[in-house]
Amino acid sequence: MSIDKNTVGKIARLARIRLSDADQEVLSGELSKIMTMIEELGQVDTGGVAPMTSVVQMKMQSRKDAVTDGGIAGKILANAPEQTAGFFVVPKIVE
């Protein structure tokens, strides 16, 4: 797949990146090479390969889902400029 200078300009505009004409020319070549490499990867037969989450075989470690800190609402609310019934009071911003 070949990416021309105009396409690079459109991508740069969408990404809100200012590129000179020379930079667009260089990037069009680089992006075309990247797309060619991606097309080559699409030709590899991966039919017998199982999906993996890591390059090394490992088991994800899990921990017990337990509350390790809590019961300090009073300490937290002590920092609030205003509180009511155990909640922070904030100004209304939506009518």
N, C-alpha and C. Protein backbone atom coordinates (compact mmCIF):
# COMPACT_ATOMS: atom_id res chain seq x y z
N MET A 1 0.85 -1.17 0.00
CA MET A 1 0.00 0.00 0.00
C MET A 1 0.90 1.23 0.00
N SER A 2 0.59 2.14 -0.85
CA SER A 2 1.36 3.36 -0.96
C SER A 2 0.56 4.53 -0.39
N ILE A 3 1.21 5.29 0.48
CA ILE A 3 0.57 6.46 1.07
C ILE A 3 1.22 7.70 0.45
N ASP A 4 0.40 8.50 -0.20
CA ASP A 4 0.94 9.68 -0.87
C ASP A 4 0.99 10.89 0.06
N LYS A 5 1.58 11.95 -0.46
CA LYS A 5 1.79 13.18 0.31
C LYS A 5 0.45 13.80 0.74
N ASN A 6 -0.56 13.72 -0.11
CA ASN A 6 -1.87 14.29 0.24
C ASN A 6 -2.51 13.55 1.42
N THR A 7 -2.37 12.23 1.44
CA THR A 7 -2.92 11.45 2.55
C THR A 7 -2.21 11.80 3.85
N VAL A 8 -0.89 11.96 3.79
CA VAL A 8 -0.13 12.36 4.98
C VAL A 8 -0.61 13.73 5.46
N GLY A 9 -0.89 14.63 4.53
CA GLY A 9 -1.40 15.95 4.90
C GLY A 9 -2.74 15.86 5.60
N LYS A 10 -3.63 14.97 5.11
CA LYS A 10 -4.94 14.79 5.74
C LYS A 10 -4.79 14.22 7.15
N ILE A 11 -3.91 13.23 7.29
CA ILE A 11 -3.68 12.63 8.60
C ILE A 11 -3.12 13.67 9.57
N ALA A 12 -2.17 14.46 9.10
CA ALA A 12 -1.57 15.49 9.94
C ALA A 12 -2.61 16.52 10.37
N ARG A 13 -3.48 16.89 9.45
CA ARG A 13 -4.52 17.85 9.79
C ARG A 13 -5.48 17.28 10.83
N LEU A 14 -5.87 16.01 10.69
CA LEU A 14 -6.75 15.37 11.66
C LEU A 14 -6.08 15.26 13.03
N ALA A 15 -4.77 15.04 13.03
CA ALA A 15 -4.03 14.93 14.28
C ALA A 15 -3.60 16.30 14.80
N ARG A 16 -3.94 17.33 14.04
CA ARG A 16 -3.59 18.71 14.40
C ARG A 16 -2.08 18.88 14.55
N ILE A 17 -1.36 18.34 13.56
CA ILE A 17 0.09 18.45 13.50
C ILE A 17 0.45 19.26 12.27
N ARG A 18 1.28 20.27 12.44
CA ARG A 18 1.72 21.07 11.32
C ARG A 18 2.98 20.43 10.73
N LEU A 19 2.92 20.11 9.43
CA LEU A 19 4.05 19.50 8.74
C LEU A 19 4.40 20.33 7.50
N SER A 20 5.68 20.47 7.27
CA SER A 20 6.11 21.15 6.05
C SER A 20 5.97 20.17 4.88
N ASP A 21 6.09 20.69 3.66
CA ASP A 21 5.98 19.82 2.47
C ASP A 21 7.09 18.78 2.46
N ALA A 22 8.28 19.17 2.89
CA ALA A 22 9.40 18.23 2.93
C ALA A 22 9.13 17.11 3.94
N ASP A 23 8.58 17.47 5.10
CA ASP A 23 8.26 16.47 6.12
C ASP A 23 7.17 15.53 5.63
N GLN A 24 6.19 16.06 4.91
CA GLN A 24 5.12 15.22 4.37
C GLN A 24 5.68 14.21 3.38
N GLU A 25 6.64 14.65 2.58
CA GLU A 25 7.26 13.76 1.59
C GLU A 25 8.02 12.63 2.29
N VAL A 26 8.78 12.97 3.33
CA VAL A 26 9.54 11.96 4.07
C VAL A 26 8.60 10.99 4.77
N LEU A 27 7.57 11.53 5.42
CA LEU A 27 6.63 10.67 6.14
C LEU A 27 5.82 9.77 5.21
N SER A 28 5.53 10.24 4.02
CA SER A 28 4.79 9.39 3.09
C SER A 28 5.60 8.15 2.75
N GLY A 29 6.91 8.32 2.58
CA GLY A 29 7.77 7.16 2.31
C GLY A 29 7.85 6.22 3.50
N GLU A 30 8.01 6.79 4.69
CA GLU A 30 8.12 5.97 5.90
C GLU A 30 6.81 5.22 6.18
N LEU A 31 5.69 5.91 6.05
CA LEU A 31 4.40 5.25 6.29
C LEU A 31 4.11 4.18 5.25
N SER A 32 4.54 4.39 4.01
CA SER A 32 4.37 3.37 2.98
C SER A 32 5.16 2.11 3.32
N LYS A 33 6.38 2.30 3.84
CA LYS A 33 7.19 1.14 4.24
C LYS A 33 6.53 0.39 5.39
N ILE A 34 5.98 1.14 6.35
CA ILE A 34 5.31 0.51 7.49
C ILE A 34 4.10 -0.29 7.01
N MET A 35 3.31 0.28 6.12
CA MET A 35 2.13 -0.43 5.61
C MET A 35 2.53 -1.67 4.83
N THR A 36 3.65 -1.62 4.09
CA THR A 36 4.14 -2.79 3.37
C THR A 36 4.52 -3.89 4.34
N MET A 37 5.18 -3.53 5.45
CA MET A 37 5.54 -4.52 6.46
C MET A 37 4.31 -5.14 7.09
N ILE A 38 3.28 -4.34 7.33
CA ILE A 38 2.04 -4.86 7.91
C ILE A 38 1.37 -5.83 6.93
N GLU A 39 1.39 -5.51 5.64
CA GLU A 39 0.81 -6.41 4.65
C GLU A 39 1.58 -7.73 4.61
N GLU A 40 2.91 -7.70 4.78
CA GLU A 40 3.70 -8.92 4.82
C GLU A 40 3.32 -9.77 6.01
N LEU A 41 3.05 -9.14 7.15
CA LEU A 41 2.64 -9.90 8.34
C LEU A 41 1.29 -10.58 8.12
N GLY A 42 0.44 -9.98 7.33
CA GLY A 42 -0.86 -10.57 7.05
C GLY A 42 -0.77 -11.85 6.23
N GLN A 43 0.35 -12.08 5.56
CA GLN A 43 0.53 -13.27 4.74
C GLN A 43 1.05 -14.46 5.53
N VAL A 44 1.44 -14.25 6.78
CA VAL A 44 1.97 -15.33 7.62
C VAL A 44 0.82 -16.22 8.06
N ASP A 45 1.03 -17.56 7.94
CA ASP A 45 0.00 -18.51 8.35
C ASP A 45 0.07 -18.67 9.87
N THR A 46 -0.97 -18.22 10.56
CA THR A 46 -1.03 -18.31 12.02
C THR A 46 -2.18 -19.21 12.45
N GLY A 47 -2.58 -20.12 11.59
CA GLY A 47 -3.72 -20.98 11.86
C GLY A 47 -3.56 -21.84 13.10
N GLY A 48 -2.37 -22.41 13.34
CA GLY A 48 -2.18 -23.31 14.47
C GLY A 48 -1.60 -22.63 15.70
N VAL A 49 -1.53 -21.33 15.69
CA VAL A 49 -0.93 -20.60 16.81
C VAL A 49 -2.03 -20.09 17.73
N ALA A 50 -1.90 -20.43 19.00
CA ALA A 50 -2.90 -19.98 19.98
C ALA A 50 -2.63 -18.53 20.35
N PRO A 51 -3.68 -17.75 20.58
CA PRO A 51 -3.49 -16.36 21.00
C PRO A 51 -2.78 -16.32 22.35
N MET A 52 -1.96 -15.29 22.54
CA MET A 52 -1.25 -15.18 23.81
C MET A 52 -1.24 -13.73 24.28
N THR A 53 -1.07 -13.57 25.58
CA THR A 53 -1.03 -12.23 26.16
C THR A 53 0.38 -11.77 26.46
N SER A 54 1.35 -12.68 26.33
CA SER A 54 2.73 -12.36 26.63
C SER A 54 3.63 -13.23 25.76
N VAL A 55 4.87 -12.82 25.59
CA VAL A 55 5.79 -13.62 24.79
C VAL A 55 6.34 -14.80 25.57
N VAL A 56 6.20 -14.78 26.88
CA VAL A 56 6.60 -15.91 27.71
C VAL A 56 5.36 -16.52 28.34
N GLN A 57 5.38 -17.84 28.47
CA GLN A 57 4.23 -18.52 29.06
C GLN A 57 4.22 -18.27 30.56
N MET A 58 3.18 -17.63 31.04
CA MET A 58 3.08 -17.34 32.47
C MET A 58 1.63 -17.30 32.89
N LYS A 59 1.42 -17.56 34.16
CA LYS A 59 0.07 -17.51 34.71
C LYS A 59 -0.09 -16.16 35.40
N MET A 60 -1.20 -15.52 35.15
CA MET A 60 -1.46 -14.24 35.79
C MET A 60 -1.66 -14.45 37.29
N GLN A 61 -0.96 -13.66 38.08
CA GLN A 61 -1.12 -13.75 39.52
C GLN A 61 -2.35 -12.96 39.93
N SER A 62 -3.07 -13.49 40.87
CA SER A 62 -4.24 -12.78 41.36
C SER A 62 -4.13 -12.65 42.87
N ARG A 63 -4.77 -11.65 43.37
CA ARG A 63 -4.77 -11.44 44.82
C ARG A 63 -6.20 -11.42 45.31
N LYS A 64 -6.35 -11.62 46.59
CA LYS A 64 -7.68 -11.60 47.17
C LYS A 64 -8.20 -10.17 47.12
N ASP A 65 -9.44 -10.03 46.69
CA ASP A 65 -10.07 -8.73 46.60
C ASP A 65 -10.64 -8.38 47.98
N ALA A 66 -9.84 -7.63 48.74
CA ALA A 66 -10.25 -7.30 50.10
C ALA A 66 -9.97 -5.83 50.38
N VAL A 67 -10.80 -5.23 51.19
CA VAL A 67 -10.60 -3.84 51.58
C VAL A 67 -9.45 -3.81 52.58
N THR A 68 -8.42 -3.05 52.27
CA THR A 68 -7.26 -2.98 53.16
C THR A 68 -7.22 -1.67 53.92
N ASP A 69 -8.05 -0.72 53.53
CA ASP A 69 -8.08 0.56 54.21
C ASP A 69 -9.52 1.05 54.18
N GLY A 70 -9.95 1.62 55.23
CA GLY A 70 -11.31 2.11 55.27
C GLY A 70 -11.69 2.50 56.68
N GLY A 71 -12.90 2.93 56.82
CA GLY A 71 -13.39 3.33 58.11
C GLY A 71 -12.79 4.63 58.62
N ILE A 72 -12.28 5.44 57.69
CA ILE A 72 -11.67 6.71 58.11
C ILE A 72 -12.40 7.89 57.49
N ALA A 73 -13.69 7.74 57.29
CA ALA A 73 -14.46 8.81 56.66
C ALA A 73 -14.36 10.10 57.46
N GLY A 74 -14.33 9.99 58.78
CA GLY A 74 -14.23 11.18 59.61
C GLY A 74 -12.94 11.95 59.36
N LYS A 75 -11.82 11.22 59.21
CA LYS A 75 -10.54 11.87 58.93
C LYS A 75 -10.56 12.54 57.56
N ILE A 76 -11.16 11.89 56.60
CA ILE A 76 -11.21 12.45 55.25
C ILE A 76 -12.10 13.69 55.24
N LEU A 77 -13.25 13.60 55.86
CA LEU A 77 -14.17 14.74 55.88
C LEU A 77 -13.64 15.89 56.71
N ALA A 78 -12.70 15.65 57.59
CA ALA A 78 -12.11 16.72 58.39
C ALA A 78 -11.38 17.73 57.50
N ASN A 79 -10.95 17.30 56.33
CA ASN A 79 -10.25 18.19 55.40
C ASN A 79 -11.21 19.01 54.54
N ALA A 80 -12.49 18.67 54.55
CA ALA A 80 -13.46 19.34 53.69
C ALA A 80 -13.82 20.70 54.26
N PRO A 81 -13.95 21.71 53.40
CA PRO A 81 -14.37 23.02 53.89
C PRO A 81 -15.81 23.01 54.39
N GLU A 82 -16.64 22.13 53.80
CA GLU A 82 -18.04 22.03 54.24
C GLU A 82 -18.52 20.61 54.04
N GLN A 83 -19.31 20.11 55.00
CA GLN A 83 -19.83 18.74 54.92
C GLN A 83 -21.23 18.70 55.53
N THR A 84 -22.01 17.74 55.05
CA THR A 84 -23.35 17.53 55.58
C THR A 84 -23.64 16.05 55.56
N ALA A 85 -24.05 15.51 56.68
CA ALA A 85 -24.46 14.10 56.82
C ALA A 85 -23.42 13.13 56.28
N GLY A 86 -22.15 13.42 56.50
CA GLY A 86 -21.08 12.52 56.08
C GLY A 86 -20.71 12.63 54.62
N PHE A 87 -21.11 13.71 53.95
CA PHE A 87 -20.80 13.90 52.53
C PHE A 87 -20.15 15.26 52.33
N PHE A 88 -19.36 15.38 51.27
CA PHE A 88 -18.79 16.66 50.89
C PHE A 88 -19.90 17.55 50.34
N VAL A 89 -19.87 18.83 50.64
CA VAL A 89 -20.81 19.79 50.06
C VAL A 89 -20.06 20.59 49.02
N VAL A 90 -20.59 20.57 47.78
CA VAL A 90 -19.97 21.31 46.68
C VAL A 90 -21.01 22.24 46.09
N PRO A 91 -20.56 23.33 45.46
CA PRO A 91 -21.53 24.25 44.85
C PRO A 91 -22.23 23.62 43.65
N LYS A 92 -23.47 23.96 43.46
CA LYS A 92 -24.25 23.48 42.33
C LYS A 92 -23.77 24.20 41.07
N ILE A 93 -23.46 23.43 40.03
CA ILE A 93 -22.97 24.05 38.80
C ILE A 93 -23.92 23.82 37.62
N VAL A 94 -24.89 22.93 37.77
CA VAL A 94 -25.83 22.63 36.70
C VAL A 94 -27.21 23.06 37.14
N GLU A 95 -27.88 23.80 36.28
CA GLU A 95 -29.23 24.26 36.60
C GLU A 95 -30.24 23.23 36.20
